Amino acid sequence: MRYSAIRNLVASDLRSFITNDPRKQLDVQLKELAIAAQQYAHLSKGKRIALTRLINAIWQSGKLVHPYKGQFELAYEDIYDEAVQNLFFYLCQDNNINKYDPERGEVMTWVNMLLTKRFFPEAIPKVLGKTNEINLESSHWENIPSSQPLSLFEQVRECIETDPELIFRKEHIKGHPEANFQAIAKRRCSGISWKDISAEWGIGITSLHTFYQRCLNKFGDQFRGYLF
């Protein structure tokens, strides 16, 4: 058998071996998607599509790490959601995908390093906020002492549910009247994750979270007036 034929046979056997290993198969898939995204011009439709496929594959892989698991108690899921959202924003912005070097390692190694070393630590103060600010996430309301007749968490939740000015249910994501601020906030107060809310309505986590944060800022005065 000629040398070239032997080489091709060995290469074929190696590819077969690699693709029979689910983790190796994932690494190959993600690397191909990342390299494909790098080939398109910045802001082009092709690049957006390639990045969407890459991010979907990363998310669906279930291989994103959970740094500092066991810390931050009830706030952990909110911090993690914020960190993952910002990681995906980063991958889509400013040609950042071109910073990935396929010669140096796998895509999951790179994104998990970014999540652990940068985006999770950055998300901690964003979610926990300053001690003198009202944080409208249920995980933090629940940490407020309940020595008052009605805890702050319960007051805010009651305000959202009664909607005294009929404004919370009117504010909704464009094209999705069911995804209004009241409905989203009630689900968050009940401890439902962004992932589950996204699956329920078929709306991306990023869109839900961005809308939610915008509403918290918009209705801040109404909450303060109702509470104090």
C-alpha atoms as a PDB file:
ATOM      1  CA  MET A   1       0.000   0.000   0.000  1.00  0.00           C
ATOM      2  CA  ARG A   2       1.351   3.425  -0.920  1.00  0.00           C
ATOM      3  CA  TYR A   3       2.361   5.801   1.885  1.00  0.00           C
ATOM      4  CA  SER A   4      -0.310   8.379   1.015  1.00  0.00           C
ATOM      5  CA  ALA A   5      -3.008   5.721   1.163  1.00  0.00           C
ATOM      6  CA  ILE A   6      -1.756   4.509   4.550  1.00  0.00           C
ATOM      7  CA  ARG A   7      -1.691   8.099   5.835  1.00  0.00           C
ATOM      8  CA  ASN A   8      -5.266   8.710   4.684  1.00  0.00           C
ATOM      9  CA  LEU A   9      -6.411   5.452   6.262  1.00  0.00           C
ATOM     10  CA  VAL A  10      -4.792   6.345   9.589  1.00  0.00           C
ATOM     11  CA  ALA A  11      -6.289   9.835   9.466  1.00  0.00           C
ATOM     12  CA  SER A  12      -9.713   8.342   8.804  1.00  0.00           C
ATOM     13  CA  ASP A  13      -9.336   5.940  11.721  1.00  0.00           C
ATOM     14  CA  LEU A  14      -8.324   8.824  14.005  1.00  0.00           C
ATOM     15  CA  ARG A  15     -11.321  10.919  12.969  1.00  0.00           C
ATOM     16  CA  SER A  16     -13.581   7.970  13.610  1.00  0.00           C
ATOM     17  CA  PHE A  17     -12.052   7.463  17.049  1.00  0.00           C
ATOM     18  CA  ILE A  18     -12.416  11.130  17.939  1.00  0.00           C
ATOM     19  CA  THR A  19     -16.024  11.455  16.811  1.00  0.00           C
ATOM     20  CA  ASN A  20     -17.014   8.360  18.799  1.00  0.00           C
ATOM     21  CA  ASP A  21     -16.032  10.260  21.962  1.00  0.00           C
ATOM     22  CA  PRO A  22     -18.910  12.685  22.783  1.00  0.00           C
ATOM     23  CA  ARG A  23     -16.609  15.226  24.420  1.00  0.00           C
ATOM     24  CA  LYS A  24     -14.157  15.131  21.521  1.00  0.00           C
ATOM     25  CA  GLN A  25     -17.057  15.363  19.106  1.00  0.00           C
ATOM     26  CA  LEU A  26     -18.289  18.487  20.919  1.00  0.00           C
ATOM     27  CA  ASP A  27     -14.806  20.023  20.861  1.00  0.00           C
ATOM     28  CA  VAL A  28     -14.540  19.417  17.114  1.00  0.00           C
ATOM     29  CA  GLN A  29     -18.005  20.865  16.493  1.00  0.00           C
ATOM     30  CA  LEU A  30     -17.392  24.012  18.563  1.00  0.00           C
ATOM     31  CA  LYS A  31     -13.978  24.601  17.045  1.00  0.00           C
ATOM     32  CA  GLU A  32     -15.430  24.350  13.546  1.00  0.00           C
ATOM     33  CA  LEU A  33     -18.212  26.806  14.451  1.00  0.00           C
ATOM     34  CA  ALA A  34     -15.767  29.264  16.040  1.00  0.00           C
ATOM     35  CA  ILE A  35     -13.397  29.149  13.068  1.00  0.00           C
ATOM     36  CA  ALA A  36     -16.344  29.604  10.706  1.00  0.00           C
ATOM     37  CA  ALA A  37     -17.475  32.702  12.657  1.00  0.00           C
ATOM     38  CA  GLN A  38     -13.961  34.135  12.436  1.00  0.00           C
ATOM     39  CA  GLN A  39     -14.038  33.978   8.636  1.00  0.00           C
ATOM     40  CA  TYR A  40     -16.915  36.426   8.199  1.00  0.00           C
ATOM     41  CA  ALA A  41     -16.614  40.207   8.132  1.00  0.00           C
ATOM     42  CA  HIS A  42     -17.527  42.064  11.303  1.00  0.00           C
ATOM     43  CA  LEU A  43     -21.270  42.901  11.556  1.00  0.00           C
ATOM     44  CA  SER A  44     -22.087  40.776   8.503  1.00  0.00           C
ATOM     45  CA  LYS A  45     -25.207  38.601   8.421  1.00  0.00           C
ATOM     46  CA  GLY A  46     -23.046  35.517   7.990  1.00  0.00           C
ATOM     47  CA  LYS A  47     -21.100  36.302  11.157  1.00  0.00           C
ATOM     48  CA  ARG A  48     -24.297  36.833  13.153  1.00  0.00           C
ATOM     49  CA  ILE A  49     -25.657  33.482  12.012  1.00  0.00           C
ATOM     50  CA  ALA A  50     -22.364  31.702  12.742  1.00  0.00           C
ATOM     51  CA  LEU A  51     -22.156  33.251  16.218  1.00  0.00           C
ATOM     52  CA  THR A  52     -25.761  32.303  16.962  1.00  0.00           C
ATOM     53  CA  ARG A  53     -25.015  28.688  16.053  1.00  0.00           C
ATOM     54  CA  LEU A  54     -21.888  28.718  18.194  1.00  0.00           C
ATOM     55  CA  ILE A  55     -23.642  30.182  21.237  1.00  0.00           C
ATOM     56  CA  ASN A  56     -26.562  27.770  20.912  1.00  0.00           C
ATOM     57  CA  ALA A  57     -24.139  24.849  20.745  1.00  0.00           C
ATOM     58  CA  ILE A  58     -22.251  26.093  23.815  1.00  0.00           C
ATOM     59  CA  TRP A  59     -25.473  26.549  25.794  1.00  0.00           C
ATOM     60  CA  GLN A  60     -26.997  23.237  24.772  1.00  0.00           C
ATOM     61  CA  SER A  61     -23.785  21.333  25.494  1.00  0.00           C
ATOM     62  CA  GLY A  62     -24.335  21.599  29.247  1.00  0.00           C
ATOM     63  CA  LYS A  63     -20.564  22.000  29.641  1.00  0.00           C
ATOM     64  CA  LEU A  64     -20.457  25.556  30.961  1.00  0.00           C
ATOM     65  CA  VAL A  65     -18.831  25.526  34.392  1.00  0.00           C
ATOM     66  CA  HIS A  66     -20.503  26.758  37.575  1.00  0.00           C
ATOM     67  CA  PRO A  67     -17.721  28.666  39.363  1.00  0.00           C
ATOM     68  CA  TYR A  68     -17.853  29.153  43.137  1.00  0.00           C
ATOM     69  CA  LYS A  69     -20.764  26.719  43.392  1.00  0.00           C
ATOM     70  CA  GLY A  70     -22.163  26.644  46.903  1.00  0.00           C
ATOM     71  CA  GLN A  71     -21.380  30.290  47.594  1.00  0.00           C
ATOM     72  CA  PHE A  72     -23.742  33.302  47.571  1.00  0.00           C
ATOM     73  CA  GLU A  73     -26.641  31.068  48.649  1.00  0.00           C
ATOM     74  CA  LEU A  74     -29.940  32.304  47.152  1.00  0.00           C
ATOM     75  CA  ALA A  75     -28.201  34.845  44.903  1.00  0.00           C
ATOM     76  CA  TYR A  76     -26.105  32.284  43.054  1.00  0.00           C
ATOM     77  CA  GLU A  77     -28.475  31.567  40.154  1.00  0.00           C
ATOM     78  CA  ASP A  78     -29.003  35.277  39.516  1.00  0.00           C
ATOM     79  CA  ILE A  79     -25.245  35.884  39.478  1.00  0.00           C
ATOM     80  CA  TYR A  80     -24.720  32.912  37.187  1.00  0.00           C
ATOM     81  CA  ASP A  81     -27.457  34.017  34.772  1.00  0.00           C
ATOM     82  CA  GLU A  82     -25.961  37.509  34.619  1.00  0.00           C
ATOM     83  CA  ALA A  83     -22.462  36.118  34.019  1.00  0.00           C
ATOM     84  CA  VAL A  84     -23.542  33.766  31.226  1.00  0.00           C
ATOM     85  CA  GLN A  85     -25.568  36.497  29.552  1.00  0.00           C
ATOM     86  CA  ASN A  86     -22.578  38.859  29.596  1.00  0.00           C
ATOM     87  CA  LEU A  87     -20.291  36.104  28.311  1.00  0.00           C
ATOM     88  CA  PHE A  88     -22.557  35.568  25.298  1.00  0.00           C
ATOM     89  CA  PHE A  89     -22.766  39.329  24.710  1.00  0.00           C
ATOM     90  CA  TYR A  90     -18.981  39.408  24.713  1.00  0.00           C
ATOM     91  CA  LEU A  91     -18.737  36.649  22.116  1.00  0.00           C
ATOM     92  CA  CYS A  92     -21.056  38.581  19.795  1.00  0.00           C
ATOM     93  CA  GLN A  93     -19.427  41.989  20.139  1.00  0.00           C
ATOM     94  CA  ASP A  94     -16.399  43.753  18.643  1.00  0.00           C
ATOM     95  CA  ASN A  95     -15.030  40.728  16.803  1.00  0.00           C
ATOM     96  CA  ASN A  96     -14.151  39.183  20.175  1.00  0.00           C
ATOM     97  CA  ILE A  97     -14.573  35.708  18.699  1.00  0.00           C
ATOM     98  CA  ASN A  98     -11.357  36.401  16.788  1.00  0.00           C
ATOM     99  CA  LYS A  99      -9.506  36.378  20.135  1.00  0.00           C
ATOM    100  CA  TYR A 100     -10.071  32.643  20.310  1.00  0.00           C
ATOM    101  CA  ASP A 101      -6.960  30.801  19.119  1.00  0.00           C
ATOM    102  CA  PRO A 102      -7.800  27.248  17.975  1.00  0.00           C
ATOM    103  CA  GLU A 103      -4.122  26.335  18.193  1.00  0.00           C
ATOM    104  CA  ARG A 104      -4.032  26.985  21.935  1.00  0.00           C
ATOM    105  CA  GLY A 105      -7.009  24.997  23.143  1.00  0.00           C
ATOM    106  CA  GLU A 106     -10.655  24.063  22.887  1.00  0.00           C
ATOM    107  CA  VAL A 107     -13.565  26.489  22.734  1.00  0.00           C
ATOM    108  CA  MET A 108     -15.099  25.263  26.012  1.00  0.00           C
ATOM    109  CA  THR A 109     -11.770  25.733  27.793  1.00  0.00           C
ATOM    110  CA  TRP A 110     -11.633  29.315  26.531  1.00  0.00           C
ATOM    111  CA  VAL A 111     -15.241  30.284  27.357  1.00  0.00           C
ATOM    112  CA  ASN A 112     -15.133  28.581  30.768  1.00  0.00           C
ATOM    113  CA  MET A 113     -11.971  30.502  31.594  1.00  0.00           C
ATOM    114  CA  LEU A 114     -13.709  33.759  30.617  1.00  0.00           C
ATOM    115  CA  LEU A 115     -16.766  32.815  32.680  1.00  0.00           C
ATOM    116  CA  THR A 116     -14.707  31.901  35.761  1.00  0.00           C
ATOM    117  CA  LYS A 117     -12.033  34.590  35.685  1.00  0.00           C
ATOM    118  CA  ARG A 118     -13.970  37.547  34.293  1.00  0.00           C
ATOM    119  CA  PHE A 119     -17.723  37.417  33.896  1.00  0.00           C
ATOM    120  CA  PHE A 120     -18.756  35.645  37.100  1.00  0.00           C
ATOM    121  CA  PRO A 121     -16.645  37.957  39.318  1.00  0.00           C
ATOM    122  CA  GLU A 122     -17.994  40.973  37.412  1.00  0.00           C
ATOM    123  CA  ALA A 123     -21.576  39.784  37.879  1.00  0.00           C
ATOM    124  CA  ILE A 124     -21.333  39.530  41.676  1.00  0.00           C
ATOM    125  CA  PRO A 125     -21.463  43.286  42.444  1.00  0.00           C
ATOM    126  CA  LYS A 126     -23.986  43.864  39.638  1.00  0.00           C
ATOM    127  CA  VAL A 127     -26.444  41.425  41.195  1.00  0.00           C
ATOM    128  CA  LEU A 128     -25.772  42.037  44.868  1.00  0.00           C
ATOM    129  CA  GLY A 129     -25.659  45.808  44.373  1.00  0.00           C
ATOM    130  CA  LYS A 130     -24.867  48.386  46.992  1.00  0.00           C
ATOM    131  CA  THR A 131     -26.194  47.815  50.483  1.00  0.00           C
ATOM    132  CA  ASN A 132     -28.140  51.086  50.470  1.00  0.00           C
ATOM    133  CA  GLU A 133     -30.027  50.332  47.241  1.00  0.00           C
ATOM    134  CA  ILE A 134     -33.324  48.474  46.889  1.00  0.00           C
ATOM    135  CA  ASN A 135     -32.582  45.287  44.964  1.00  0.00           C
ATOM    136  CA  LEU A 136     -35.720  43.942  43.332  1.00  0.00           C
ATOM    137  CA  GLU A 137     -34.494  40.375  42.849  1.00  0.00           C
ATOM    138  CA  SER A 138     -36.384  37.920  45.054  1.00  0.00           C
ATOM    139  CA  SER A 139     -33.206  36.185  46.186  1.00  0.00           C
ATOM    140  CA  HIS A 140     -32.158  39.367  47.973  1.00  0.00           C
ATOM    141  CA  TRP A 141     -35.566  40.382  49.270  1.00  0.00           C
ATOM    142  CA  GLU A 142     -35.718  37.048  51.057  1.00  0.00           C
ATOM    143  CA  ASN A 143     -32.551  37.899  52.978  1.00  0.00           C
ATOM    144  CA  ILE A 144     -34.167  40.962  54.563  1.00  0.00           C
ATOM    145  CA  PRO A 145     -35.074  40.386  58.249  1.00  0.00           C
ATOM    146  CA  SER A 146     -38.764  39.693  58.697  1.00  0.00           C
ATOM    147  CA  SER A 147     -39.138  41.535  62.014  1.00  0.00           C
ATOM    148  CA  GLN A 148     -41.448  44.027  60.305  1.00  0.00           C
ATOM    149  CA  PRO A 149     -45.171  43.174  60.205  1.00  0.00           C
ATOM    150  CA  LEU A 150     -44.796  42.708  56.460  1.00  0.00           C
ATOM    151  CA  SER A 151     -41.317  42.063  55.045  1.00  0.00           C
ATOM    152  CA  LEU A 152     -39.905  44.204  52.246  1.00  0.00           C
ATOM    153  CA  PHE A 153     -40.013  41.218  49.916  1.00  0.00           C
ATOM    154  CA  GLU A 154     -43.697  40.662  50.658  1.00  0.00           C
ATOM    155  CA  GLN A 155     -44.489  44.353  50.182  1.00  0.00           C
ATOM    156  CA  VAL A 156     -42.803  44.471  46.794  1.00  0.00           C
ATOM    157  CA  ARG A 157     -44.437  41.229  45.733  1.00  0.00           C
ATOM    158  CA  GLU A 158     -47.845  42.554  46.796  1.00  0.00           C
ATOM    159  CA  CYS A 159     -47.207  45.750  44.855  1.00  0.00           C
ATOM    160  CA  ILE A 160     -46.405  43.779  41.709  1.00  0.00           C
ATOM    161  CA  GLU A 161     -49.412  41.480  42.039  1.00  0.00           C
ATOM    162  CA  THR A 162     -51.973  44.198  42.827  1.00  0.00           C
ATOM    163  CA  ASP A 163     -50.469  46.627  40.287  1.00  0.00           C
ATOM    164  CA  PRO A 164     -52.251  49.613  41.871  1.00  0.00           C
ATOM    165  CA  GLU A 165     -51.544  51.948  38.935  1.00  0.00           C
ATOM    166  CA  LEU A 166     -52.153  49.244  36.285  1.00  0.00           C
ATOM    167  CA  ILE A 167     -48.751  49.862  34.723  1.00  0.00           C
ATOM    168  CA  PHE A 168     -46.814  46.636  35.319  1.00  0.00           C
ATOM    169  CA  ARG A 169     -48.992  44.411  33.148  1.00  0.00           C
ATOM    170  CA  LYS A 170     -49.119  46.970  30.324  1.00  0.00           C
ATOM    171  CA  GLU A 171     -45.341  47.025  29.899  1.00  0.00           C
ATOM    172  CA  HIS A 172     -44.436  43.989  27.787  1.00  0.00           C
ATOM    173  CA  ILE A 173     -41.891  42.694  25.308  1.00  0.00           C
ATOM    174  CA  LYS A 174     -42.819  43.756  21.785  1.00  0.00           C
ATOM    175  CA  GLY A 175     -44.949  41.106  20.126  1.00  0.00           C
ATOM    176  CA  HIS A 176     -45.349  39.158  23.397  1.00  0.00           C
ATOM    177  CA  PRO A 177     -48.136  40.690  25.535  1.00  0.00           C
ATOM    178  CA  GLU A 178     -48.007  37.650  27.802  1.00  0.00           C
ATOM    179  CA  ALA A 179     -44.394  38.518  28.659  1.00  0.00           C
ATOM    180  CA  ASN A 180     -45.242  41.655  30.588  1.00  0.00           C
ATOM    181  CA  PHE A 181     -43.287  43.002  33.539  1.00  0.00           C
ATOM    182  CA  GLN A 182     -45.833  41.792  36.074  1.00  0.00           C
ATOM    183  CA  ALA A 183     -45.786  38.232  34.727  1.00  0.00           C
ATOM    184  CA  ILE A 184     -41.995  38.107  34.588  1.00  0.00           C
ATOM    185  CA  ALA A 185     -41.541  39.649  38.037  1.00  0.00           C
ATOM    186  CA  LYS A 186     -44.055  37.236  39.609  1.00  0.00           C
ATOM    187  CA  ARG A 187     -42.150  34.301  38.150  1.00  0.00           C
ATOM    188  CA  ARG A 188     -38.837  35.659  39.428  1.00  0.00           C
ATOM    189  CA  CYS A 189     -40.378  36.219  42.873  1.00  0.00           C
ATOM    190  CA  SER A 190     -41.461  32.568  42.838  1.00  0.00           C
ATOM    191  CA  GLY A 191     -37.893  31.458  42.139  1.00  0.00           C
ATOM    192  CA  ILE A 192     -38.425  30.432  38.500  1.00  0.00           C
ATOM    193  CA  SER A 193     -35.140  30.626  36.575  1.00  0.00           C
ATOM    194  CA  TRP A 194     -34.537  32.701  33.462  1.00  0.00           C
ATOM    195  CA  LYS A 195     -33.959  29.469  31.560  1.00  0.00           C
ATOM    196  CA  ASP A 196     -37.421  28.140  32.466  1.00  0.00           C
ATOM    197  CA  ILE A 197     -39.130  31.462  31.682  1.00  0.00           C
ATOM    198  CA  SER A 198     -37.355  31.517  28.326  1.00  0.00           C
ATOM    199  CA  ALA A 199     -38.552  27.991  27.544  1.00  0.00           C
ATOM    200  CA  GLU A 200     -42.133  28.799  28.573  1.00  0.00           C
ATOM    201  CA  TRP A 201     -42.536  31.728  26.177  1.00  0.00           C
ATOM    202  CA  GLY A 202     -39.943  30.947  23.535  1.00  0.00           C
ATOM    203  CA  ILE A 203     -38.143  34.236  24.188  1.00  0.00           C
ATOM    204  CA  GLY A 204     -34.375  34.471  24.525  1.00  0.00           C
ATOM    205  CA  ILE A 205     -32.889  34.858  27.999  1.00  0.00           C
ATOM    206  CA  THR A 206     -31.040  37.995  26.901  1.00  0.00           C
ATOM    207  CA  SER A 207     -34.252  39.675  25.688  1.00  0.00           C
ATOM    208  CA  LEU A 208     -36.097  38.745  28.876  1.00  0.00           C
ATOM    209  CA  HIS A 209     -33.357  39.903  31.210  1.00  0.00           C
ATOM    210  CA  THR A 210     -32.734  43.181  29.340  1.00  0.00           C
ATOM    211  CA  PHE A 211     -36.456  44.009  29.352  1.00  0.00           C
ATOM    212  CA  TYR A 212     -36.726  43.112  33.040  1.00  0.00           C
ATOM    213  CA  GLN A 213     -33.788  45.300  34.073  1.00  0.00           C
ATOM    214  CA  ARG A 214     -35.137  48.191  32.006  1.00  0.00           C
ATOM    215  CA  CYS A 215     -38.484  47.903  33.802  1.00  0.00           C
ATOM    216  CA  LEU A 216     -36.830  47.843  37.226  1.00  0.00           C
ATOM    217  CA  ASN A 217     -35.152  51.143  36.402  1.00  0.00           C
ATOM    218  CA  LYS A 218     -38.311  52.598  34.866  1.00  0.00           C
ATOM    219  CA  PHE A 219     -40.568  51.698  37.801  1.00  0.00           C
ATOM    220  CA  GLY A 220     -38.053  52.453  40.561  1.00  0.00           C
ATOM    221  CA  ASP A 221     -39.903  55.574  41.706  1.00  0.00           C
ATOM    222  CA  GLN A 222     -43.233  53.732  41.855  1.00  0.00           C
ATOM    223  CA  PHE A 223     -41.733  51.030  44.053  1.00  0.00           C
ATOM    224  CA  ARG A 224     -40.101  53.531  46.379  1.00  0.00           C
ATOM    225  CA  GLY A 225     -43.314  55.541  46.629  1.00  0.00           C
ATOM    226  CA  TYR A 226     -45.352  52.430  47.425  1.00  0.00           C
ATOM    227  CA  LEU A 227     -42.884  51.142  50.005  1.00  0.00           C
ATOM    228  CA  PHE A 228     -41.892  54.336  51.774  1.00  0.00           C
END
